[in-house]
């Protein structure tokens, strides 16, 4: 099996910076593993890497789908594996970066997606369906407002008696090391709050307003945190401060869910980030990779 590197962790913890450093030192190319960064026009709220931050490193699976297009985990599995094979053939190191755990797991493990069966229709409220989902899968990354995915999960369980996360015992396809970046909760939450403020300075309000004015309400827009929270402000239903506070709150909650999911679903090697001297973190991780 070929060696590849994957980097995970919540927003604001340094995944992008680490990936660039490792790519330079290990002759690597980066594969985006964030389900929302594949879309054009979703840049600021998704914390998409900028041209300047790329620092000449080749990136794959960024900004290549339109907001109106459907892009599933099955599509990502196929495209990411094609990227991995191409990078390996050229003698370089694939580095997957992102916080969408299901996408990453689908790529690294031998998951076979079956032809989708017709999903049952449920009359219960979103809250009732989500509570049932949590009973079956307490560590789910499915958002409580994503009724379509919740119904798909429950439909599969009601039809087969099996949970989707127990569908099959998949085996790893690659020899990979999974690097996780972490920090203490107070530091993380402070960084998340500051990052939202920085996004506003970078033009988040204008980016969200353009999407709102075009009346694009697709899954691509409604899934990430940072756009839909501003729509009530544009409608005059709340203040900007209230929308920003909601973005910060949901971002903190999502970070907590990410930690829980990765700790329970994948063999992550966690590293405390030294924000005052990030190179120390890089060197620790490089040493671990070399030993691996």
C-alpha atoms as a PDB file:
ATOM      1  CA  UNK A   1       0.000   0.000   0.000  1.00  0.00           C
ATOM      2  CA  UNK A   2       1.137   3.555  -0.739  1.00  0.00           C
ATOM      3  CA  UNK A   3       1.654   6.136   2.005  1.00  0.00           C
ATOM      4  CA  UNK A   4      -0.513   9.219   2.135  1.00  0.00           C
ATOM      5  CA  UNK A   5      -1.084  11.916   4.754  1.00  0.00           C
ATOM      6  CA  UNK A   6      -4.411  13.280   5.975  1.00  0.00           C
ATOM      7  CA  UNK A   7      -4.838  16.359   8.175  1.00  0.00           C
ATOM      8  CA  UNK A   8      -7.991  16.965  10.207  1.00  0.00           C
ATOM      9  CA  UNK A   9      -9.188  19.338  12.885  1.00  0.00           C
ATOM     10  CA  UNK A  10     -11.680  22.167  13.442  1.00  0.00           C
ATOM     11  CA  UNK A  11     -11.630  25.530  11.721  1.00  0.00           C
ATOM     12  CA  UNK A  12      -9.005  27.991  12.894  1.00  0.00           C
ATOM     13  CA  UNK A  13      -6.563  25.435  14.251  1.00  0.00           C
ATOM     14  CA  UNK A  14      -3.971  25.602  11.452  1.00  0.00           C
ATOM     15  CA  UNK A  15      -4.761  22.794   8.995  1.00  0.00           C
ATOM     16  CA  UNK A  16      -4.113  24.930   5.926  1.00  0.00           C
ATOM     17  CA  UNK A  17      -0.810  26.279   7.224  1.00  0.00           C
ATOM     18  CA  UNK A  18       0.382  22.807   8.205  1.00  0.00           C
ATOM     19  CA  UNK A  19      -0.588  21.305   4.856  1.00  0.00           C
ATOM     20  CA  UNK A  20       1.455  23.910   2.960  1.00  0.00           C
ATOM     21  CA  UNK A  21       4.488  23.349   5.191  1.00  0.00           C
ATOM     22  CA  UNK A  22       4.309  19.576   4.774  1.00  0.00           C
ATOM     23  CA  UNK A  23       3.775  19.839   1.024  1.00  0.00           C
ATOM     24  CA  UNK A  24       6.973  21.875   0.671  1.00  0.00           C
ATOM     25  CA  UNK A  25       8.995  19.513   2.852  1.00  0.00           C
ATOM     26  CA  UNK A  26       7.596  16.221   1.500  1.00  0.00           C
ATOM     27  CA  UNK A  27       7.133  17.124  -2.174  1.00  0.00           C
ATOM     28  CA  UNK A  28       3.397  16.903  -1.755  1.00  0.00           C
ATOM     29  CA  UNK A  29       0.210  18.005  -3.462  1.00  0.00           C
ATOM     30  CA  UNK A  30      -2.936  18.838  -1.508  1.00  0.00           C
ATOM     31  CA  UNK A  31      -6.389  17.328  -2.001  1.00  0.00           C
ATOM     32  CA  UNK A  32      -9.274  19.285  -0.511  1.00  0.00           C
ATOM     33  CA  UNK A  33     -11.411  17.152   1.797  1.00  0.00           C
ATOM     34  CA  UNK A  34     -14.047  19.719   2.735  1.00  0.00           C
ATOM     35  CA  UNK A  35     -17.456  19.058   1.205  1.00  0.00           C
ATOM     36  CA  UNK A  36     -18.254  22.765   0.756  1.00  0.00           C
ATOM     37  CA  UNK A  37     -14.959  23.976  -0.694  1.00  0.00           C
ATOM     38  CA  UNK A  38     -15.593  22.094  -3.940  1.00  0.00           C
ATOM     39  CA  UNK A  39     -18.052  24.868  -4.906  1.00  0.00           C
ATOM     40  CA  UNK A  40     -17.246  28.106  -6.710  1.00  0.00           C
ATOM     41  CA  UNK A  41     -18.300  31.216  -4.836  1.00  0.00           C
ATOM     42  CA  UNK A  42     -18.122  29.693  -1.359  1.00  0.00           C
ATOM     43  CA  UNK A  43     -14.756  31.079  -0.333  1.00  0.00           C
ATOM     44  CA  UNK A  44     -14.747  33.145   2.827  1.00  0.00           C
ATOM     45  CA  UNK A  45     -17.188  31.311   5.108  1.00  0.00           C
ATOM     46  CA  UNK A  46     -15.657  27.946   4.168  1.00  0.00           C
ATOM     47  CA  UNK A  47     -12.142  29.248   4.963  1.00  0.00           C
ATOM     48  CA  UNK A  48     -10.982  28.177   1.508  1.00  0.00           C
ATOM     49  CA  UNK A  49      -7.236  28.493   0.969  1.00  0.00           C
ATOM     50  CA  UNK A  50      -6.278  31.646  -0.960  1.00  0.00           C
ATOM     51  CA  UNK A  51      -3.888  31.832  -3.892  1.00  0.00           C
ATOM     52  CA  UNK A  52      -1.371  33.590  -1.669  1.00  0.00           C
ATOM     53  CA  UNK A  53      -1.650  30.943   1.066  1.00  0.00           C
ATOM     54  CA  UNK A  54      -1.096  28.160  -1.492  1.00  0.00           C
ATOM     55  CA  UNK A  55       2.473  29.431  -1.899  1.00  0.00           C
ATOM     56  CA  UNK A  56       2.889  27.569  -5.179  1.00  0.00           C
ATOM     57  CA  UNK A  57       1.653  24.203  -3.870  1.00  0.00           C
ATOM     58  CA  UNK A  58      -0.698  22.339  -6.232  1.00  0.00           C
ATOM     59  CA  UNK A  59      -4.253  21.930  -4.864  1.00  0.00           C
ATOM     60  CA  UNK A  60      -6.965  19.585  -6.130  1.00  0.00           C
ATOM     61  CA  UNK A  61     -10.792  19.491  -5.860  1.00  0.00           C
ATOM     62  CA  UNK A  62     -11.264  23.169  -5.064  1.00  0.00           C
ATOM     63  CA  UNK A  63     -13.872  25.438  -6.690  1.00  0.00           C
ATOM     64  CA  UNK A  64     -14.789  23.146  -9.575  1.00  0.00           C
ATOM     65  CA  UNK A  65     -18.551  22.712  -9.035  1.00  0.00           C
ATOM     66  CA  UNK A  66     -21.385  25.237  -9.416  1.00  0.00           C
ATOM     67  CA  UNK A  67     -23.684  26.015  -6.493  1.00  0.00           C
ATOM     68  CA  UNK A  68     -26.632  24.498  -8.334  1.00  0.00           C
ATOM     69  CA  UNK A  69     -24.853  21.167  -8.901  1.00  0.00           C
ATOM     70  CA  UNK A  70     -25.262  18.098  -6.701  1.00  0.00           C
ATOM     71  CA  UNK A  71     -21.990  16.631  -5.465  1.00  0.00           C
ATOM     72  CA  UNK A  72     -22.157  13.547  -3.248  1.00  0.00           C
ATOM     73  CA  UNK A  73     -19.754  11.554  -1.128  1.00  0.00           C
ATOM     74  CA  UNK A  74     -19.787   8.964  -3.926  1.00  0.00           C
ATOM     75  CA  UNK A  75     -18.588  11.606  -6.395  1.00  0.00           C
ATOM     76  CA  UNK A  76     -15.910  12.773  -4.003  1.00  0.00           C
ATOM     77  CA  UNK A  77     -14.699   9.240  -3.340  1.00  0.00           C
ATOM     78  CA  UNK A  78     -14.181   8.692  -7.070  1.00  0.00           C
ATOM     79  CA  UNK A  79     -12.527  12.053  -7.741  1.00  0.00           C
ATOM     80  CA  UNK A  80     -10.249  12.006  -4.692  1.00  0.00           C
ATOM     81  CA  UNK A  81      -9.023   8.493  -5.423  1.00  0.00           C
ATOM     82  CA  UNK A  82      -8.249   9.522  -9.003  1.00  0.00           C
ATOM     83  CA  UNK A  83      -6.215  12.433  -7.613  1.00  0.00           C
ATOM     84  CA  UNK A  84      -4.363  10.157  -5.198  1.00  0.00           C
ATOM     85  CA  UNK A  85      -3.421   7.701  -7.938  1.00  0.00           C
ATOM     86  CA  UNK A  86      -2.250  10.512 -10.227  1.00  0.00           C
ATOM     87  CA  UNK A  87      -0.128  12.111  -7.505  1.00  0.00           C
ATOM     88  CA  UNK A  88       1.444   8.795  -6.518  1.00  0.00           C
ATOM     89  CA  UNK A  89       2.240   7.929 -10.134  1.00  0.00           C
ATOM     90  CA  UNK A  90       4.224  11.143 -10.364  1.00  0.00           C
ATOM     91  CA  UNK A  91       6.224  10.210  -7.276  1.00  0.00           C
ATOM     92  CA  UNK A  92       4.722  12.853  -5.021  1.00  0.00           C
ATOM     93  CA  UNK A  93       2.953  12.730  -1.652  1.00  0.00           C
ATOM     94  CA  UNK A  94      -0.847  13.084  -1.499  1.00  0.00           C
ATOM     95  CA  UNK A  95      -1.960  15.253   1.440  1.00  0.00           C
ATOM     96  CA  UNK A  96      -5.698  15.262   2.173  1.00  0.00           C
ATOM     97  CA  UNK A  97      -6.887  18.250   4.195  1.00  0.00           C
ATOM     98  CA  UNK A  98     -10.335  19.031   5.591  1.00  0.00           C
ATOM     99  CA  UNK A  99     -12.907  18.481   8.281  1.00  0.00           C
ATOM    100  CA  UNK A 100     -15.569  16.441   6.473  1.00  0.00           C
ATOM    101  CA  UNK A 101     -14.995  13.108   8.169  1.00  0.00           C
ATOM    102  CA  UNK A 102     -17.383  11.050   6.058  1.00  0.00           C
ATOM    103  CA  UNK A 103     -15.681  12.181   2.830  1.00  0.00           C
ATOM    104  CA  UNK A 104     -12.244  11.355   4.189  1.00  0.00           C
ATOM    105  CA  UNK A 105     -13.318   7.949   5.459  1.00  0.00           C
ATOM    106  CA  UNK A 106     -14.973   7.099   2.148  1.00  0.00           C
ATOM    107  CA  UNK A 107     -11.706   7.783   0.323  1.00  0.00           C
ATOM    108  CA  UNK A 108      -9.282   6.027   2.645  1.00  0.00           C
ATOM    109  CA  UNK A 109     -11.334   2.887   3.264  1.00  0.00           C
ATOM    110  CA  UNK A 110     -12.808   0.300   0.939  1.00  0.00           C
ATOM    111  CA  UNK A 111     -16.362   1.548   1.111  1.00  0.00           C
ATOM    112  CA  UNK A 112     -18.634   0.303  -1.657  1.00  0.00           C
ATOM    113  CA  UNK A 113     -21.620   2.545  -2.190  1.00  0.00           C
ATOM    114  CA  UNK A 114     -24.680   0.623  -3.239  1.00  0.00           C
ATOM    115  CA  UNK A 115     -27.230   1.910  -5.700  1.00  0.00           C
ATOM    116  CA  UNK A 116     -29.472   4.144  -3.660  1.00  0.00           C
ATOM    117  CA  UNK A 117     -32.883   2.715  -2.857  1.00  0.00           C
ATOM    118  CA  UNK A 118     -36.017   4.801  -2.704  1.00  0.00           C
ATOM    119  CA  UNK A 119     -36.129   6.710   0.575  1.00  0.00           C
ATOM    120  CA  UNK A 120     -39.175   6.393   2.799  1.00  0.00           C
ATOM    121  CA  UNK A 121     -41.153   9.545   3.465  1.00  0.00           C
ATOM    122  CA  UNK A 122     -41.610  10.475   7.122  1.00  0.00           C
ATOM    123  CA  UNK A 123     -44.283  12.736   8.603  1.00  0.00           C
ATOM    124  CA  UNK A 124     -42.485  13.457  11.893  1.00  0.00           C
ATOM    125  CA  UNK A 125     -40.898  16.857  12.514  1.00  0.00           C
ATOM    126  CA  UNK A 126     -37.215  17.532  11.871  1.00  0.00           C
ATOM    127  CA  UNK A 127     -36.577  17.590  15.624  1.00  0.00           C
ATOM    128  CA  UNK A 128     -38.230  14.188  16.154  1.00  0.00           C
ATOM    129  CA  UNK A 129     -36.334  12.598  13.268  1.00  0.00           C
ATOM    130  CA  UNK A 130     -33.044  14.063  14.452  1.00  0.00           C
ATOM    131  CA  UNK A 131     -33.592  12.773  17.992  1.00  0.00           C
ATOM    132  CA  UNK A 132     -34.156   9.286  16.577  1.00  0.00           C
ATOM    133  CA  UNK A 133     -31.005   9.598  14.476  1.00  0.00           C
ATOM    134  CA  UNK A 134     -28.977  10.550  17.564  1.00  0.00           C
ATOM    135  CA  UNK A 135     -30.232   7.431  19.334  1.00  0.00           C
ATOM    136  CA  UNK A 136     -28.896   5.313  16.461  1.00  0.00           C
ATOM    137  CA  UNK A 137     -25.702   7.291  15.867  1.00  0.00           C
ATOM    138  CA  UNK A 138     -24.744   9.699  18.694  1.00  0.00           C
ATOM    139  CA  UNK A 139     -21.651  10.830  16.774  1.00  0.00           C
ATOM    140  CA  UNK A 140     -23.372  11.618  13.495  1.00  0.00           C
ATOM    141  CA  UNK A 141     -22.098  14.539  11.421  1.00  0.00           C
ATOM    142  CA  UNK A 142     -25.472  14.958   9.736  1.00  0.00           C
ATOM    143  CA  UNK A 143     -26.865  18.413  10.504  1.00  0.00           C
ATOM    144  CA  UNK A 144     -30.223  18.441  12.269  1.00  0.00           C
ATOM    145  CA  UNK A 145     -31.742  20.561   9.468  1.00  0.00           C
ATOM    146  CA  UNK A 146     -30.592  18.219   6.683  1.00  0.00           C
ATOM    147  CA  UNK A 147     -33.879  16.302   6.567  1.00  0.00           C
ATOM    148  CA  UNK A 148     -33.012  14.529   3.318  1.00  0.00           C
ATOM    149  CA  UNK A 149     -29.924  12.845   4.760  1.00  0.00           C
ATOM    150  CA  UNK A 150     -31.673  12.052   8.039  1.00  0.00           C
ATOM    151  CA  UNK A 151     -34.520  10.377   6.167  1.00  0.00           C
ATOM    152  CA  UNK A 152     -32.022   8.444   4.043  1.00  0.00           C
ATOM    153  CA  UNK A 153     -30.299   7.155   7.168  1.00  0.00           C
ATOM    154  CA  UNK A 154     -33.537   6.198   8.927  1.00  0.00           C
ATOM    155  CA  UNK A 155     -34.953   4.653   5.757  1.00  0.00           C
ATOM    156  CA  UNK A 156     -31.899   2.413   5.409  1.00  0.00           C
ATOM    157  CA  UNK A 157     -32.225   1.348   9.061  1.00  0.00           C
ATOM    158  CA  UNK A 158     -35.962   0.716   8.843  1.00  0.00           C
ATOM    159  CA  UNK A 159     -35.491  -1.317   5.653  1.00  0.00           C
ATOM    160  CA  UNK A 160     -32.418  -3.372   6.599  1.00  0.00           C
ATOM    161  CA  UNK A 161     -32.284  -3.247  10.392  1.00  0.00           C
ATOM    162  CA  UNK A 162     -28.686  -2.038  10.086  1.00  0.00           C
ATOM    163  CA  UNK A 163     -27.134   1.323  10.857  1.00  0.00           C
ATOM    164  CA  UNK A 164     -25.412   3.095   7.996  1.00  0.00           C
ATOM    165  CA  UNK A 165     -22.221   3.486  10.043  1.00  0.00           C
ATOM    166  CA  UNK A 166     -22.229  -0.308  10.520  1.00  0.00           C
ATOM    167  CA  UNK A 167     -23.045  -1.043   6.903  1.00  0.00           C
ATOM    168  CA  UNK A 168     -19.773  -2.807   6.334  1.00  0.00           C
ATOM    169  CA  UNK A 169     -16.423  -3.270   8.048  1.00  0.00           C
ATOM    170  CA  UNK A 170     -14.288  -1.465   5.530  1.00  0.00           C
ATOM    171  CA  UNK A 171     -10.557  -2.002   5.255  1.00  0.00           C
ATOM    172  CA  UNK A 172      -8.007   0.750   4.559  1.00  0.00           C
ATOM    173  CA  UNK A 173      -7.000   1.084   0.923  1.00  0.00           C
ATOM    174  CA  UNK A 174      -3.818   3.005   1.625  1.00  0.00           C
ATOM    175  CA  UNK A 175      -0.977   3.111   4.102  1.00  0.00           C
ATOM    176  CA  UNK A 176      -1.875   6.452   5.637  1.00  0.00           C
ATOM    177  CA  UNK A 177      -1.159   8.548   8.695  1.00  0.00           C
ATOM    178  CA  UNK A 178      -3.967  10.697  10.061  1.00  0.00           C
ATOM    179  CA  UNK A 179      -2.749  13.903  11.707  1.00  0.00           C
ATOM    180  CA  UNK A 180      -5.127  15.846  13.952  1.00  0.00           C
ATOM    181  CA  UNK A 181      -4.534  19.387  15.179  1.00  0.00           C
ATOM    182  CA  UNK A 182      -6.027  20.364  18.508  1.00  0.00           C
ATOM    183  CA  UNK A 183      -5.817  22.935  21.282  1.00  0.00           C
ATOM    184  CA  UNK A 184      -7.594  23.616  24.548  1.00  0.00           C
ATOM    185  CA  UNK A 185     -11.261  24.544  24.318  1.00  0.00           C
ATOM    186  CA  UNK A 186     -10.929  28.170  25.453  1.00  0.00           C
ATOM    187  CA  UNK A 187      -8.162  28.874  22.944  1.00  0.00           C
ATOM    188  CA  UNK A 188     -10.083  27.169  20.147  1.00  0.00           C
ATOM    189  CA  UNK A 189     -13.318  29.039  20.857  1.00  0.00           C
ATOM    190  CA  UNK A 190     -11.461  32.348  21.020  1.00  0.00           C
ATOM    191  CA  UNK A 191      -9.780  31.627  17.678  1.00  0.00           C
ATOM    192  CA  UNK A 192     -13.106  30.649  16.113  1.00  0.00           C
ATOM    193  CA  UNK A 193     -14.733  33.889  17.310  1.00  0.00           C
ATOM    194  CA  UNK A 194     -11.834  35.958  15.983  1.00  0.00           C
ATOM    195  CA  UNK A 195     -11.875  34.036  12.716  1.00  0.00           C
ATOM    196  CA  UNK A 196     -15.525  34.958  12.130  1.00  0.00           C
ATOM    197  CA  UNK A 197     -14.658  38.617  12.743  1.00  0.00           C
ATOM    198  CA  UNK A 198     -11.799  38.300  10.252  1.00  0.00           C
ATOM    199  CA  UNK A 199     -14.148  36.734   7.684  1.00  0.00           C
ATOM    200  CA  UNK A 200     -16.380  39.799   7.937  1.00  0.00           C
ATOM    201  CA  UNK A 201     -13.379  42.044   7.303  1.00  0.00           C
ATOM    202  CA  UNK A 202     -12.488  39.885   4.279  1.00  0.00           C
ATOM    203  CA  UNK A 203     -15.936  40.432   2.732  1.00  0.00           C
ATOM    204  CA  UNK A 204     -18.174  37.660   4.074  1.00  0.00           C
ATOM    205  CA  UNK A 205     -21.171  39.988   4.171  1.00  0.00           C
ATOM    206  CA  UNK A 206     -20.789  40.842   0.487  1.00  0.00           C
ATOM    207  CA  UNK A 207     -20.210  37.214  -0.499  1.00  0.00           C
ATOM    208  CA  UNK A 208     -23.335  36.078   1.374  1.00  0.00           C
ATOM    209  CA  UNK A 209     -25.392  38.987   0.037  1.00  0.00           C
ATOM    210  CA  UNK A 210     -24.568  38.059  -3.560  1.00  0.00           C
ATOM    211  CA  UNK A 211     -25.759  34.505  -2.951  1.00  0.00           C
ATOM    212  CA  UNK A 212     -28.878  35.768  -1.169  1.00  0.00           C
ATOM    213  CA  UNK A 213     -29.769  38.167  -3.996  1.00  0.00           C
ATOM    214  CA  UNK A 214     -29.459  35.348  -6.529  1.00  0.00           C
ATOM    215  CA  UNK A 215     -31.910  33.292  -4.425  1.00  0.00           C
ATOM    216  CA  UNK A 216     -29.665  30.245  -4.395  1.00  0.00           C
ATOM    217  CA  UNK A 217     -30.990  27.954  -1.665  1.00  0.00           C
ATOM    218  CA  UNK A 218     -29.244  24.721  -2.659  1.00  0.00           C
ATOM    219  CA  UNK A 219     -27.660  22.186  -0.326  1.00  0.00           C
ATOM    220  CA  UNK A 220     -24.266  23.674  -1.214  1.00  0.00           C
ATOM    221  CA  UNK A 221     -25.305  27.014   0.278  1.00  0.00           C
ATOM    222  CA  UNK A 222     -27.403  25.809   3.204  1.00  0.00           C
ATOM    223  CA  UNK A 223     -24.876  23.257   4.529  1.00  0.00           C
ATOM    224  CA  UNK A 224     -21.858  25.384   5.532  1.00  0.00           C
ATOM    225  CA  UNK A 225     -21.973  27.717   8.510  1.00  0.00           C
ATOM    226  CA  UNK A 226     -21.719  31.375   7.580  1.00  0.00           C
ATOM    227  CA  UNK A 227     -24.233  32.040   4.810  1.00  0.00           C
ATOM    228  CA  UNK A 228     -27.698  30.947   5.942  1.00  0.00           C
ATOM    229  CA  UNK A 229     -27.111  32.620   9.314  1.00  0.00           C
ATOM    230  CA  UNK A 230     -26.858  35.980   7.550  1.00  0.00           C
ATOM    231  CA  UNK A 231     -30.017  35.576   5.480  1.00  0.00           C
ATOM    232  CA  UNK A 232     -32.360  36.670   8.328  1.00  0.00           C
ATOM    233  CA  UNK A 233     -30.282  39.858   8.638  1.00  0.00           C
ATOM    234  CA  UNK A 234     -30.738  40.555   4.926  1.00  0.00           C
ATOM    235  CA  UNK A 235     -34.478  40.063   5.394  1.00  0.00           C
ATOM    236  CA  UNK A 236     -34.532  42.554   8.268  1.00  0.00           C
ATOM    237  CA  UNK A 237     -35.507  39.874  10.784  1.00  0.00           C
ATOM    238  CA  UNK A 238     -32.515  40.330  13.101  1.00  0.00           C
ATOM    239  CA  UNK A 239     -29.446  42.504  13.619  1.00  0.00           C
ATOM    240  CA  UNK A 240     -26.021  41.860  12.121  1.00  0.00           C
ATOM    241  CA  UNK A 241     -24.668  41.293  15.622  1.00  0.00           C
ATOM    242  CA  UNK A 242     -27.227  38.529  16.209  1.00  0.00           C
ATOM    243  CA  UNK A 243     -26.336  36.807  12.933  1.00  0.00           C
ATOM    244  CA  UNK A 244     -22.611  36.993  13.696  1.00  0.00           C
ATOM    245  CA  UNK A 245     -23.145  35.601  17.198  1.00  0.00           C
ATOM    246  CA  UNK A 246     -25.088  32.699  15.674  1.00  0.00           C
ATOM    247  CA  UNK A 247     -22.264  31.960  13.221  1.00  0.00           C
ATOM    248  CA  UNK A 248     -19.780  31.904  16.079  1.00  0.00           C
ATOM    249  CA  UNK A 249     -21.993  29.696  18.234  1.00  0.00           C
ATOM    250  CA  UNK A 250     -22.671  27.169  15.464  1.00  0.00           C
ATOM    251  CA  UNK A 251     -18.981  27.126  14.514  1.00  0.00           C
ATOM    252  CA  UNK A 252     -18.021  26.303  18.113  1.00  0.00           C
ATOM    253  CA  UNK A 253     -20.653  23.557  18.291  1.00  0.00           C
ATOM    254  CA  UNK A 254     -19.493  22.107  14.972  1.00  0.00           C
ATOM    255  CA  UNK A 255     -15.885  22.032  16.191  1.00  0.00           C
ATOM    256  CA  UNK A 256     -16.997  20.019  19.206  1.00  0.00           C
ATOM    257  CA  UNK A 257     -18.874  17.548  16.977  1.00  0.00           C
ATOM    258  CA  UNK A 258     -15.822  17.202  14.718  1.00  0.00           C
ATOM    259  CA  UNK A 259     -13.605  16.248  17.632  1.00  0.00           C
ATOM    260  CA  UNK A 260     -16.115  13.712  18.893  1.00  0.00           C
ATOM    261  CA  UNK A 261     -16.593  12.148  15.450  1.00  0.00           C
ATOM    262  CA  UNK A 262     -12.904  11.789  14.635  1.00  0.00           C
ATOM    263  CA  UNK A 263     -12.040  10.444  18.094  1.00  0.00           C
ATOM    264  CA  UNK A 264     -14.667   7.729  17.714  1.00  0.00           C
ATOM    265  CA  UNK A 265     -14.450   6.957  14.000  1.00  0.00           C
ATOM    266  CA  UNK A 266     -10.818   7.186  12.849  1.00  0.00           C
ATOM    267  CA  UNK A 267      -7.278   6.459  14.126  1.00  0.00           C
ATOM    268  CA  UNK A 268      -6.138  10.060  14.532  1.00  0.00           C
ATOM    269  CA  UNK A 269      -2.770  11.007  16.026  1.00  0.00           C
ATOM    270  CA  UNK A 270      -3.473  14.314  17.782  1.00  0.00           C
ATOM    271  CA  UNK A 271      -0.998  17.167  18.190  1.00  0.00           C
ATOM    272  CA  UNK A 272      -1.342  20.204  20.424  1.00  0.00           C
ATOM    273  CA  UNK A 273      -0.684  23.258  18.247  1.00  0.00           C
ATOM    274  CA  UNK A 274       2.030  25.667  19.384  1.00  0.00           C
ATOM    275  CA  UNK A 275       0.531  28.858  18.015  1.00  0.00           C
ATOM    276  CA  UNK A 276       3.387  30.971  19.391  1.00  0.00           C
ATOM    277  CA  UNK A 277       5.889  28.850  17.428  1.00  0.00           C
ATOM    278  CA  UNK A 278       4.061  26.906  14.714  1.00  0.00           C
ATOM    279  CA  UNK A 279       7.330  25.520  13.355  1.00  0.00           C
ATOM    280  CA  UNK A 280       7.656  23.500  16.569  1.00  0.00           C
ATOM    281  CA  UNK A 281       4.348  21.805  15.701  1.00  0.00           C
ATOM    282  CA  UNK A 282       5.545  21.168  12.147  1.00  0.00           C
ATOM    283  CA  UNK A 283       8.772  19.558  13.353  1.00  0.00           C
ATOM    284  CA  UNK A 284       6.930  17.294  15.811  1.00  0.00           C
ATOM    285  CA  UNK A 285       4.622  16.108  13.054  1.00  0.00           C
ATOM    286  CA  UNK A 286       7.447  15.593  10.575  1.00  0.00           C
ATOM    287  CA  UNK A 287       9.259  13.436  13.135  1.00  0.00           C
ATOM    288  CA  UNK A 288       6.113  11.355  13.645  1.00  0.00           C
ATOM    289  CA  UNK A 289       5.680  10.921   9.886  1.00  0.00           C
ATOM    290  CA  UNK A 290       9.290   9.819   9.473  1.00  0.00           C
ATOM    291  CA  UNK A 291       8.960   7.305  12.322  1.00  0.00           C
ATOM    292  CA  UNK A 292       5.695   6.048  10.828  1.00  0.00           C
END
